[in-house]
PDB file of all heavy atoms in Angstrom:
ATOM      1  N   LYS A   1       0.841  -1.199   0.000  1.00  0.00           N
ATOM      2  CA  LYS A   1       0.000   0.000   0.000  1.00  0.00           C
ATOM      3  C   LYS A   1       0.872   1.243   0.000  1.00  0.00           C
ATOM      4  O   LYS A   1       1.933   1.268   0.621  1.00  0.00           O
ATOM      5  CB  LYS A   1      -0.906   0.027   1.236  1.00  0.00           C
ATOM      6  CG  LYS A   1      -1.752  -1.217   1.434  1.00  0.00           C
ATOM      7  CD  LYS A   1      -2.811  -1.356   0.382  1.00  0.00           C
ATOM      8  CE  LYS A   1      -3.669  -2.576   0.620  1.00  0.00           C
ATOM      9  NZ  LYS A   1      -3.702  -3.493  -0.506  1.00  0.00           N
ATOM     10  N   ALA A   2       0.405   2.281  -0.676  1.00  0.00           N
ATOM     11  CA  ALA A   2       1.120   3.554  -0.697  1.00  0.00           C
ATOM     12  C   ALA A   2       1.412   3.983   0.734  1.00  0.00           C
ATOM     13  O   ALA A   2       0.527   3.963   1.591  1.00  0.00           O
ATOM     14  CB  ALA A   2       0.303   4.611  -1.421  1.00  0.00           C
ATOM     15  N   GLY A   3       2.666   4.327   0.995  1.00  0.00           N
ATOM     16  CA  GLY A   3       3.096   4.745   2.317  1.00  0.00           C
ATOM     17  C   GLY A   3       3.774   3.660   3.126  1.00  0.00           C
ATOM     18  O   GLY A   3       4.414   3.957   4.137  1.00  0.00           O
ATOM     19  N   ASP A   4       3.655   2.391   2.704  1.00  0.00           N
ATOM     20  CA  ASP A   4       4.328   1.306   3.421  1.00  0.00           C
ATOM     21  C   ASP A   4       5.839   1.480   3.373  1.00  0.00           C
ATOM     22  O   ASP A   4       6.406   1.794   2.322  1.00  0.00           O
ATOM     23  CB  ASP A   4       4.011  -0.067   2.798  1.00  0.00           C
ATOM     24  CG  ASP A   4       2.611  -0.576   3.077  1.00  0.00           C
ATOM     25  OD1 ASP A   4       1.913   0.008   3.937  1.00  0.00           O
ATOM     26  OD2 ASP A   4       2.216  -1.572   2.428  1.00  0.00           O
ATOM     27  N   SER A   5       6.494   1.248   4.502  1.00  0.00           N
ATOM     28  CA  SER A   5       7.957   1.178   4.555  1.00  0.00           C
ATOM     29  C   SER A   5       8.352  -0.267   4.296  1.00  0.00           C
ATOM     30  O   SER A   5       7.733  -1.188   4.853  1.00  0.00           O
ATOM     31  CB  SER A   5       8.474   1.600   5.930  1.00  0.00           C
ATOM     32  OG  SER A   5       8.227   2.962   6.137  1.00  0.00           O
ATOM     33  N   VAL A   6       9.373  -0.459   3.461  1.00  0.00           N
ATOM     34  CA  VAL A   6       9.797  -1.815   3.113  1.00  0.00           C
ATOM     35  C   VAL A   6      11.311  -1.950   3.211  1.00  0.00           C
ATOM     36  O   VAL A   6      12.055  -0.969   3.088  1.00  0.00           O
ATOM     37  CB  VAL A   6       9.339  -2.221   1.691  1.00  0.00           C
ATOM     38  CG1 VAL A   6       7.823  -2.259   1.588  1.00  0.00           C
ATOM     39  CG2 VAL A   6       9.921  -1.303   0.632  1.00  0.00           C
ATOM     40  N   LEU A   7      11.749  -3.168   3.440  1.00  0.00           N
ATOM     41  CA  LEU A   7      13.147  -3.564   3.335  1.00  0.00           C
ATOM     42  C   LEU A   7      13.182  -4.657   2.278  1.00  0.00           C
ATOM     43  O   LEU A   7      12.526  -5.688   2.432  1.00  0.00           O
ATOM     44  CB  LEU A   7      13.681  -4.069   4.675  1.00  0.00           C
ATOM     45  CG  LEU A   7      13.787  -3.022   5.779  1.00  0.00           C
ATOM     46  CD1 LEU A   7      14.159  -3.678   7.118  1.00  0.00           C
ATOM     47  CD2 LEU A   7      14.804  -1.941   5.405  1.00  0.00           C
ATOM     48  N   ILE A   8      13.907  -4.401   1.207  1.00  0.00           N
ATOM     49  CA  ILE A   8      13.912  -5.284   0.042  1.00  0.00           C
ATOM     50  C   ILE A   8      15.191  -6.107   0.028  1.00  0.00           C
ATOM     51  O   ILE A   8      16.293  -5.565   0.161  1.00  0.00           O
ATOM     52  CB  ILE A   8      13.807  -4.458  -1.258  1.00  0.00           C
ATOM     53  CG1 ILE A   8      12.555  -3.569  -1.230  1.00  0.00           C
ATOM     54  CG2 ILE A   8      13.819  -5.373  -2.475  1.00  0.00           C
ATOM     55  CD1 ILE A   8      12.513  -2.506  -2.334  1.00  0.00           C
ATOM     56  N   SER A   9      15.052  -7.427  -0.170  1.00  0.00           N
ATOM     57  CA  SER A   9      16.205  -8.318  -0.304  1.00  0.00           C
ATOM     58  C   SER A   9      16.028  -9.155  -1.569  1.00  0.00           C
ATOM     59  O   SER A   9      14.908  -9.492  -1.948  1.00  0.00           O
ATOM     60  CB  SER A   9      16.333  -9.232   0.915  1.00  0.00           C
ATOM     61  OG  SER A   9      16.595  -8.474   2.081  1.00  0.00           O
ATOM     62  N   GLY A  10      17.142  -9.458  -2.217  1.00  0.00           N
ATOM     63  CA  GLY A  10      17.113 -10.247  -3.443  1.00  0.00           C
ATOM     64  C   GLY A  10      17.958  -9.575  -4.508  1.00  0.00           C
ATOM     65  O   GLY A  10      18.919  -8.870  -4.201  1.00  0.00           O
ATOM     66  N   THR A  11      17.586  -9.786  -5.774  1.00  0.00           N
ATOM     67  CA  THR A  11      18.339  -9.153  -6.853  1.00  0.00           C
ATOM     68  C   THR A  11      17.439  -8.229  -7.655  1.00  0.00           C
ATOM     69  O   THR A  11      16.247  -8.498  -7.828  1.00  0.00           O
ATOM     70  CB  THR A  11      18.996 -10.180  -7.804  1.00  0.00           C
ATOM     71  OG1 THR A  11      17.988 -10.916  -8.480  1.00  0.00           O
ATOM     72  CG2 THR A  11      19.932 -11.112  -7.050  1.00  0.00           C
ATOM     73  N   MET A  12      18.044  -7.130  -8.114  1.00  0.00           N
ATOM     74  CA  MET A  12      17.351  -6.149  -8.943  1.00  0.00           C
ATOM     75  C   MET A  12      18.322  -5.663 -10.004  1.00  0.00           C
ATOM     76  O   MET A  12      19.534  -5.822  -9.859  1.00  0.00           O
ATOM     77  CB  MET A  12      16.853  -4.970  -8.102  1.00  0.00           C
ATOM     78  CG  MET A  12      17.972  -4.182  -7.436  1.00  0.00           C
ATOM     79  SD  MET A  12      17.420  -2.748  -6.464  1.00  0.00           S
ATOM     80  CE  MET A  12      16.618  -3.508  -5.080  1.00  0.00           C
ATOM     81  N   ILE A  13      17.778  -5.078 -11.064  1.00  0.00           N
ATOM     82  CA  ILE A  13      18.637  -4.491 -12.075  1.00  0.00           C
ATOM     83  C   ILE A  13      18.664  -2.976 -11.878  1.00  0.00           C
ATOM     84  O   ILE A  13      17.852  -2.424 -11.138  1.00  0.00           O
ATOM     85  CB  ILE A  13      18.197  -4.861 -13.509  1.00  0.00           C
ATOM     86  CG1 ILE A  13      16.786  -4.360 -13.826  1.00  0.00           C
ATOM     87  CG2 ILE A  13      18.307  -6.369 -13.720  1.00  0.00           C
ATOM     88  CD1 ILE A  13      16.373  -4.557 -15.288  1.00  0.00           C
ATOM     89  N   THR A  14      19.618  -2.330 -12.538  1.00  0.00           N
ATOM     90  CA  THR A  14      19.723  -0.882 -12.464  1.00  0.00           C
ATOM     91  C   THR A  14      19.653  -0.307 -13.864  1.00  0.00           C
ATOM     92  O   THR A  14      19.880  -1.003 -14.856  1.00  0.00           O
ATOM     93  CB  THR A  14      21.046  -0.437 -11.814  1.00  0.00           C
ATOM     94  OG1 THR A  14      22.127  -0.715 -12.705  1.00  0.00           O
ATOM     95  CG2 THR A  14      21.264  -1.123 -10.476  1.00  0.00           C
ATOM     96  N   GLY A  15      19.359   0.966 -13.950  1.00  0.00           N
ATOM     97  CA  GLY A  15      19.358   1.646 -15.238  1.00  0.00           C
ATOM     98  C   GLY A  15      18.907   3.080 -15.074  1.00  0.00           C
ATOM     99  O   GLY A  15      18.078   3.373 -14.216  1.00  0.00           O
ATOM    100  N   ARG A  16      19.510   3.938 -15.885  1.00  0.00           N
ATOM    101  CA  ARG A  16      19.127   5.346 -15.898  1.00  0.00           C
ATOM    102  C   ARG A  16      18.764   5.741 -17.320  1.00  0.00           C
ATOM    103  O   ARG A  16      18.499   4.910 -18.168  1.00  0.00           O
ATOM    104  CB  ARG A  16      20.273   6.199 -15.344  1.00  0.00           C
ATOM    105  CG  ARG A  16      20.397   6.102 -13.847  1.00  0.00           C
ATOM    106  CD  ARG A  16      21.493   6.918 -13.257  1.00  0.00           C
ATOM    107  NE  ARG A  16      21.797   8.150 -13.960  1.00  0.00           N
ATOM    108  CZ  ARG A  16      22.447   9.163 -13.449  1.00  0.00           C
ATOM    109  NH1 ARG A  16      22.873   9.105 -12.203  1.00  0.00           N
ATOM    110  NH2 ARG A  16      22.719  10.241 -14.150  1.00  0.00           N
ATOM    111  N   ASP A  17      18.762   7.024 -17.578  1.00  0.00           N
ATOM    112  CA  ASP A  17      18.293   7.589 -18.844  1.00  0.00           C
ATOM    113  C   ASP A  17      18.859   6.905 -20.087  1.00  0.00           C
ATOM    114  O   ASP A  17      18.111   6.479 -20.969  1.00  0.00           O
ATOM    115  CB  ASP A  17      18.655   9.080 -18.952  1.00  0.00           C
ATOM    116  CG  ASP A  17      18.483   9.867 -17.688  1.00  0.00           C
ATOM    117  OD1 ASP A  17      18.870   9.374 -16.610  1.00  0.00           O
ATOM    118  OD2 ASP A  17      17.973  10.980 -17.780  1.00  0.00           O
ATOM    119  N   ALA A  18      20.181   6.842 -20.174  1.00  0.00           N
ATOM    120  CA  ALA A  18      20.814   6.319 -21.396  1.00  0.00           C
ATOM    121  C   ALA A  18      20.455   4.857 -21.627  1.00  0.00           C
ATOM    122  O   ALA A  18      20.145   4.462 -22.756  1.00  0.00           O
ATOM    123  CB  ALA A  18      22.329   6.498 -21.321  1.00  0.00           C
ATOM    124  N   ALA A  19      20.457   4.052 -20.571  1.00  0.00           N
ATOM    125  CA  ALA A  19      20.090   2.643 -20.706  1.00  0.00           C
ATOM    126  C   ALA A  19      18.615   2.511 -21.079  1.00  0.00           C
ATOM    127  O   ALA A  19      18.248   1.689 -21.934  1.00  0.00           O
ATOM    128  CB  ALA A  19      20.383   1.889 -19.413  1.00  0.00           C
ATOM    129  N   HIS A  20      17.756   3.315 -20.457  1.00  0.00           N
ATOM    130  CA  HIS A  20      16.331   3.284 -20.789  1.00  0.00           C
ATOM    131  C   HIS A  20      16.101   3.634 -22.258  1.00  0.00           C
ATOM    132  O   HIS A  20      15.282   3.002 -22.936  1.00  0.00           O
ATOM    133  CB  HIS A  20      15.548   4.251 -19.893  1.00  0.00           C
ATOM    134  CG  HIS A  20      15.144   3.651 -18.594  1.00  0.00           C
ATOM    135  ND1 HIS A  20      16.040   3.358 -17.601  1.00  0.00           N
ATOM    136  CD2 HIS A  20      13.922   3.279 -18.133  1.00  0.00           C
ATOM    137  CE1 HIS A  20      15.393   2.836 -16.573  1.00  0.00           C
ATOM    138  NE2 HIS A  20      14.105   2.782 -16.873  1.00  0.00           N
ATOM    139  N   LYS A  21      16.810   4.625 -22.735  1.00  0.00           N
ATOM    140  CA  LYS A  21      16.652   5.033 -24.130  1.00  0.00           C
ATOM    141  C   LYS A  21      17.022   3.882 -25.059  1.00  0.00           C
ATOM    142  O   LYS A  21      16.302   3.598 -26.021  1.00  0.00           O
ATOM    143  CB  LYS A  21      17.524   6.256 -24.426  1.00  0.00           C
ATOM    144  CG  LYS A  21      17.379   6.793 -25.831  1.00  0.00           C
ATOM    145  CD  LYS A  21      18.178   8.090 -26.003  1.00  0.00           C
ATOM    146  CE  LYS A  21      17.845   8.753 -27.314  1.00  0.00           C
ATOM    147  NZ  LYS A  21      18.774   8.455 -28.368  1.00  0.00           N
ATOM    148  N   ARG A  22      18.114   3.204 -24.768  1.00  0.00           N
ATOM    149  CA  ARG A  22      18.527   2.074 -25.611  1.00  0.00           C
ATOM    150  C   ARG A  22      17.518   0.934 -25.558  1.00  0.00           C
ATOM    151  O   ARG A  22      17.198   0.343 -26.594  1.00  0.00           O
ATOM    152  CB  ARG A  22      19.904   1.574 -25.185  1.00  0.00           C
ATOM    153  CG  ARG A  22      21.017   2.522 -25.570  1.00  0.00           C
ATOM    154  CD  ARG A  22      22.352   1.912 -25.262  1.00  0.00           C
ATOM    155  NE  ARG A  22      23.430   2.852 -25.522  1.00  0.00           N
ATOM    156  CZ  ARG A  22      24.713   2.568 -25.336  1.00  0.00           C
ATOM    157  NH1 ARG A  22      25.070   1.371 -24.895  1.00  0.00           N
ATOM    158  NH2 ARG A  22      25.632   3.477 -25.582  1.00  0.00           N
ATOM    159  N   LEU A  23      17.025   0.616 -24.371  1.00  0.00           N
ATOM    160  CA  LEU A  23      16.019  -0.440 -24.252  1.00  0.00           C
ATOM    161  C   LEU A  23      14.761  -0.069 -25.029  1.00  0.00           C
ATOM    162  O   LEU A  23      14.199  -0.895 -25.765  1.00  0.00           O
ATOM    163  CB  LEU A  23      15.683  -0.687 -22.776  1.00  0.00           C
ATOM    164  CG  LEU A  23      16.783  -1.286 -21.908  1.00  0.00           C
ATOM    165  CD1 LEU A  23      16.363  -1.277 -20.439  1.00  0.00           C
ATOM    166  CD2 LEU A  23      17.146  -2.688 -22.365  1.00  0.00           C
ATOM    167  N   TYR A  24      14.326   1.163 -24.874  1.00  0.00           N
ATOM    168  CA  TYR A  24      13.127   1.649 -25.564  1.00  0.00           C
ATOM    169  C   TYR A  24      13.288   1.544 -27.083  1.00  0.00           C
ATOM    170  O   TYR A  24      12.370   1.105 -27.779  1.00  0.00           O
ATOM    171  CB  TYR A  24      12.855   3.095 -25.138  1.00  0.00           C
ATOM    172  CG  TYR A  24      11.647   3.713 -25.780  1.00  0.00           C
ATOM    173  CD1 TYR A  24      10.371   3.450 -25.287  1.00  0.00           C
ATOM    174  CD2 TYR A  24      11.771   4.562 -26.868  1.00  0.00           C
ATOM    175  CE1 TYR A  24       9.251   4.033 -25.867  1.00  0.00           C
ATOM    176  CE2 TYR A  24      10.655   5.146 -27.455  1.00  0.00           C
ATOM    177  CZ  TYR A  24       9.401   4.874 -26.954  1.00  0.00           C
ATOM    178  OH  TYR A  24       8.304   5.437 -27.540  1.00  0.00           O
ATOM    179  N   GLU A  25      14.451   1.948 -27.581  1.00  0.00           N
ATOM    180  CA  GLU A  25      14.691   1.887 -29.033  1.00  0.00           C
ATOM    181  C   GLU A  25      14.647   0.451 -29.540  1.00  0.00           C
ATOM    182  O   GLU A  25      14.111   0.183 -30.629  1.00  0.00           O
ATOM    183  CB  GLU A  25      16.027   2.549 -29.373  1.00  0.00           C
ATOM    184  CG  GLU A  25      15.976   4.062 -29.224  1.00  0.00           C
ATOM    185  CD  GLU A  25      17.333   4.750 -29.319  1.00  0.00           C
ATOM    186  OE1 GLU A  25      18.386   4.061 -29.289  1.00  0.00           O
ATOM    187  OE2 GLU A  25      17.337   5.997 -29.420  1.00  0.00           O
ATOM    188  N   LEU A  26      15.170  -0.496 -28.761  1.00  0.00           N
ATOM    189  CA  LEU A  26      15.092  -1.912 -29.150  1.00  0.00           C
ATOM    190  C   LEU A  26      13.640  -2.394 -29.156  1.00  0.00           C
ATOM    191  O   LEU A  26      13.237  -3.127 -30.064  1.00  0.00           O
ATOM    192  CB  LEU A  26      15.940  -2.771 -28.209  1.00  0.00           C
ATOM    193  CG  LEU A  26      17.451  -2.616 -28.336  1.00  0.00           C
ATOM    194  CD1 LEU A  26      18.156  -3.411 -27.241  1.00  0.00           C
ATOM    195  CD2 LEU A  26      17.936  -3.046 -29.717  1.00  0.00           C
ATOM    196  N   ILE A  27      12.868  -1.987 -28.156  1.00  0.00           N
ATOM    197  CA  ILE A  27      11.446  -2.362 -28.103  1.00  0.00           C
ATOM    198  C   ILE A  27      10.718  -1.812 -29.332  1.00  0.00           C
ATOM    199  O   ILE A  27       9.943  -2.520 -29.974  1.00  0.00           O
ATOM    200  CB  ILE A  27      10.788  -1.863 -26.795  1.00  0.00           C
ATOM    201  CG1 ILE A  27      11.343  -2.630 -25.597  1.00  0.00           C
ATOM    202  CG2 ILE A  27       9.265  -1.998 -26.858  1.00  0.00           C
ATOM    203  CD1 ILE A  27      10.972  -2.042 -24.237  1.00  0.00           C
ATOM    204  N   GLU A  28      10.975  -0.548 -29.654  1.00  0.00           N
ATOM    205  CA  GLU A  28      10.334   0.089 -30.809  1.00  0.00           C
ATOM    206  C   GLU A  28      10.662  -0.641 -32.117  1.00  0.00           C
ATOM    207  O   GLU A  28       9.834  -0.709 -33.010  1.00  0.00           O
ATOM    208  CB  GLU A  28      10.760   1.556 -30.912  1.00  0.00           C
ATOM    209  CG  GLU A  28      10.169   2.442 -29.825  1.00  0.00           C
ATOM    210  CD  GLU A  28       8.673   2.601 -29.969  1.00  0.00           C
ATOM    211  OE1 GLU A  28       8.228   3.210 -30.960  1.00  0.00           O
ATOM    212  OE2 GLU A  28       7.938   2.123 -29.081  1.00  0.00           O
ATOM    213  N   LYS A  29      11.869  -1.181 -32.216  1.00  0.00           N
ATOM    214  CA  LYS A  29      12.296  -1.918 -33.421  1.00  0.00           C
ATOM    215  C   LYS A  29      11.859  -3.373 -33.387  1.00  0.00           C
ATOM    216  O   LYS A  29      12.069  -4.096 -34.355  1.00  0.00           O
ATOM    217  CB  LYS A  29      13.825  -1.876 -33.546  1.00  0.00           C
ATOM    218  CG  LYS A  29      14.390  -0.499 -33.818  1.00  0.00           C
ATOM    219  CD  LYS A  29      15.919  -0.603 -33.860  1.00  0.00           C
ATOM    220  CE  LYS A  29      16.582   0.743 -33.908  1.00  0.00           C
ATOM    221  NZ  LYS A  29      18.045   0.648 -33.777  1.00  0.00           N
ATOM    222  N   GLY A  30      11.306  -3.819 -32.265  1.00  0.00           N
ATOM    223  CA  GLY A  30      10.904  -5.206 -32.123  1.00  0.00           C
ATOM    224  C   GLY A  30      12.077  -6.157 -31.932  1.00  0.00           C
ATOM    225  O   GLY A  30      11.956  -7.357 -32.177  1.00  0.00           O
ATOM    226  N   GLU A  31      13.196  -5.620 -31.465  1.00  0.00           N
ATOM    227  CA  GLU A  31      14.396  -6.430 -31.281  1.00  0.00           C
ATOM    228  C   GLU A  31      14.491  -6.955 -29.847  1.00  0.00           C
ATOM    229  O   GLU A  31      13.837  -6.459 -28.936  1.00  0.00           O
ATOM    230  CB  GLU A  31      15.646  -5.611 -31.632  1.00  0.00           C
ATOM    231  CG  GLU A  31      15.690  -5.225 -33.102  1.00  0.00           C
ATOM    232  CD  GLU A  31      16.919  -4.397 -33.469  1.00  0.00           C
ATOM    233  OE1 GLU A  31      17.868  -4.331 -32.662  1.00  0.00           O
ATOM    234  OE2 GLU A  31      16.911  -3.818 -34.575  1.00  0.00           O
ATOM    235  N   GLU A  32      15.320  -7.972 -29.668  1.00  0.00           N
ATOM    236  CA  GLU A  32      15.505  -8.595 -28.361  1.00  0.00           C
ATOM    237  C   GLU A  32      16.276  -7.661 -27.427  1.00  0.00           C
ATOM    238  O   GLU A  32      17.214  -6.987 -27.843  1.00  0.00           O
ATOM    239  CB  GLU A  32      16.266  -9.911 -28.516  1.00  0.00           C
ATOM    240  CG  GLU A  32      16.304 -10.729 -27.257  1.00  0.00           C
ATOM    241  CD  GLU A  32      16.897 -12.115 -27.484  1.00  0.00           C
ATOM    242  OE1 GLU A  32      16.772 -12.650 -28.592  1.00  0.00           O
ATOM    243  OE2 GLU A  32      17.499 -12.630 -26.526  1.00  0.00           O
ATOM    244  N   LEU A  33      15.868  -7.657 -26.170  1.00  0.00           N
ATOM    245  CA  LEU A  33      16.537  -6.833 -25.163  1.00  0.00           C
ATOM    246  C   LEU A  33      17.727  -7.590 -24.573  1.00  0.00           C
ATOM    247  O   LEU A  33      17.704  -8.819 -24.510  1.00  0.00           O
ATOM    248  CB  LEU A  33      15.564  -6.467 -24.040  1.00  0.00           C
ATOM    249  CG  LEU A  33      14.317  -5.678 -24.458  1.00  0.00           C
ATOM    250  CD1 LEU A  33      13.439  -5.410 -23.241  1.00  0.00           C
ATOM    251  CD2 LEU A  33      14.701  -4.379 -25.128  1.00  0.00           C
ATOM    252  N   PRO A  34      18.755  -6.878 -24.103  1.00  0.00           N
ATOM    253  CA  PRO A  34      19.910  -7.547 -23.501  1.00  0.00           C
ATOM    254  C   PRO A  34      19.627  -8.108 -22.103  1.00  0.00           C
ATOM    255  O   PRO A  34      20.439  -8.853 -21.556  1.00  0.00           O
ATOM    256  CB  PRO A  34      20.970  -6.447 -23.447  1.00  0.00           C
ATOM    257  CG  PRO A  34      20.186  -5.180 -23.354  1.00  0.00           C
ATOM    258  CD  PRO A  34      18.939  -5.423 -24.172  1.00  0.00           C
ATOM    259  N   VAL A  35      18.494  -7.735 -21.519  1.00  0.00           N
ATOM    260  CA  VAL A  35      18.057  -8.256 -20.222  1.00  0.00           C
ATOM    261  C   VAL A  35      16.575  -8.596 -20.319  1.00  0.00           C
ATOM    262  O   VAL A  35      15.828  -7.942 -21.035  1.00  0.00           O
ATOM    263  CB  VAL A  35      18.286  -7.245 -19.064  1.00  0.00           C
ATOM    264  CG1 VAL A  35      19.761  -7.014 -18.815  1.00  0.00           C
ATOM    265  CG2 VAL A  35      17.577  -5.934 -19.321  1.00  0.00           C
ATOM    266  N   ASN A  36      16.173  -9.632 -19.608  1.00  0.00           N
ATOM    267  CA  ASN A  36      14.764 -10.005 -19.557  1.00  0.00           C
ATOM    268  C   ASN A  36      14.099  -9.169 -18.464  1.00  0.00           C
ATOM    269  O   ASN A  36      14.455  -9.285 -17.290  1.00  0.00           O
ATOM    270  CB  ASN A  36      14.630 -11.498 -19.261  1.00  0.00           C
ATOM    271  CG  ASN A  36      13.202 -11.962 -19.211  1.00  0.00           C
ATOM    272  OD1 ASN A  36      12.264 -11.182 -19.383  1.00  0.00           O
ATOM    273  ND2 ASN A  36      13.010 -13.244 -18.985  1.00  0.00           N
ATOM    274  N   LEU A  37      13.156  -8.322 -18.831  1.00  0.00           N
ATOM    275  CA  LEU A  37      12.496  -7.433 -17.872  1.00  0.00           C
ATOM    276  C   LEU A  37      11.368  -8.105 -17.097  1.00  0.00           C
ATOM    277  O   LEU A  37      10.906  -7.576 -16.091  1.00  0.00           O
ATOM    278  CB  LEU A  37      11.952  -6.194 -18.592  1.00  0.00           C
ATOM    279  CG  LEU A  37      12.994  -5.285 -19.236  1.00  0.00           C
ATOM    280  CD1 LEU A  37      12.308  -4.140 -19.969  1.00  0.00           C
ATOM    281  CD2 LEU A  37      13.983  -4.767 -18.211  1.00  0.00           C
ATOM    282  N   SER A  38      10.936  -9.262 -17.549  1.00  0.00           N
ATOM    283  CA  SER A  38       9.798  -9.927 -16.925  1.00  0.00           C
ATOM    284  C   SER A  38      10.067 -10.235 -15.455  1.00  0.00           C
ATOM    285  O   SER A  38      11.015 -10.937 -15.106  1.00  0.00           O
ATOM    286  CB  SER A  38       9.480 -11.218 -17.683  1.00  0.00           C
ATOM    287  OG  SER A  38       8.321 -11.807 -17.153  1.00  0.00           O
ATOM    288  N   GLY A  39       9.250  -9.648 -14.594  1.00  0.00           N
ATOM    289  CA  GLY A  39       9.354  -9.874 -13.164  1.00  0.00           C
ATOM    290  C   GLY A  39      10.428  -9.062 -12.459  1.00  0.00           C
ATOM    291  O   GLY A  39      10.615  -9.208 -11.249  1.00  0.00           O
ATOM    292  N   GLU A  40      11.128  -8.200 -13.182  1.00  0.00           N
ATOM    293  CA  GLU A  40      12.252  -7.452 -12.611  1.00  0.00           C
ATOM    294  C   GLU A  40      11.820  -6.203 -11.853  1.00  0.00           C
ATOM    295  O   GLU A  40      10.766  -5.633 -12.091  1.00  0.00           O
ATOM    296  CB  GLU A  40      13.226  -7.013 -13.711  1.00  0.00           C
ATOM    297  CG  GLU A  40      14.105  -8.110 -14.230  1.00  0.00           C
ATOM    298  CD  GLU A  40      15.189  -8.565 -13.258  1.00  0.00           C
ATOM    299  OE1 GLU A  40      15.370  -7.955 -12.178  1.00  0.00           O
ATOM    300  OE2 GLU A  40      15.863  -9.544 -13.587  1.00  0.00           O
ATOM    301  N   VAL A  41      12.721  -5.785 -10.971  1.00  0.00           N
ATOM    302  CA  VAL A  41      12.674  -4.489 -10.301  1.00  0.00           C
ATOM    303  C   VAL A  41      13.868  -3.725 -10.828  1.00  0.00           C
ATOM    304  O   VAL A  41      14.972  -4.272 -10.909  1.00  0.00           O
ATOM    305  CB  VAL A  41      12.794  -4.651  -8.765  1.00  0.00           C
ATOM    306  CG1 VAL A  41      12.933  -3.300  -8.089  1.00  0.00           C
ATOM    307  CG2 VAL A  41      11.607  -5.418  -8.216  1.00  0.00           C
TER     308      VAL A  41
END
């Protein structure tokens, strides 16, 4: 719920503007992504 405090454990990926732009461009072209986003944080 909005406002909940959490402590997260496990694995997550990272990314900022430049990586997002590259991923988006691959999606737009219908090409495979270098990482599987399904289920990711």
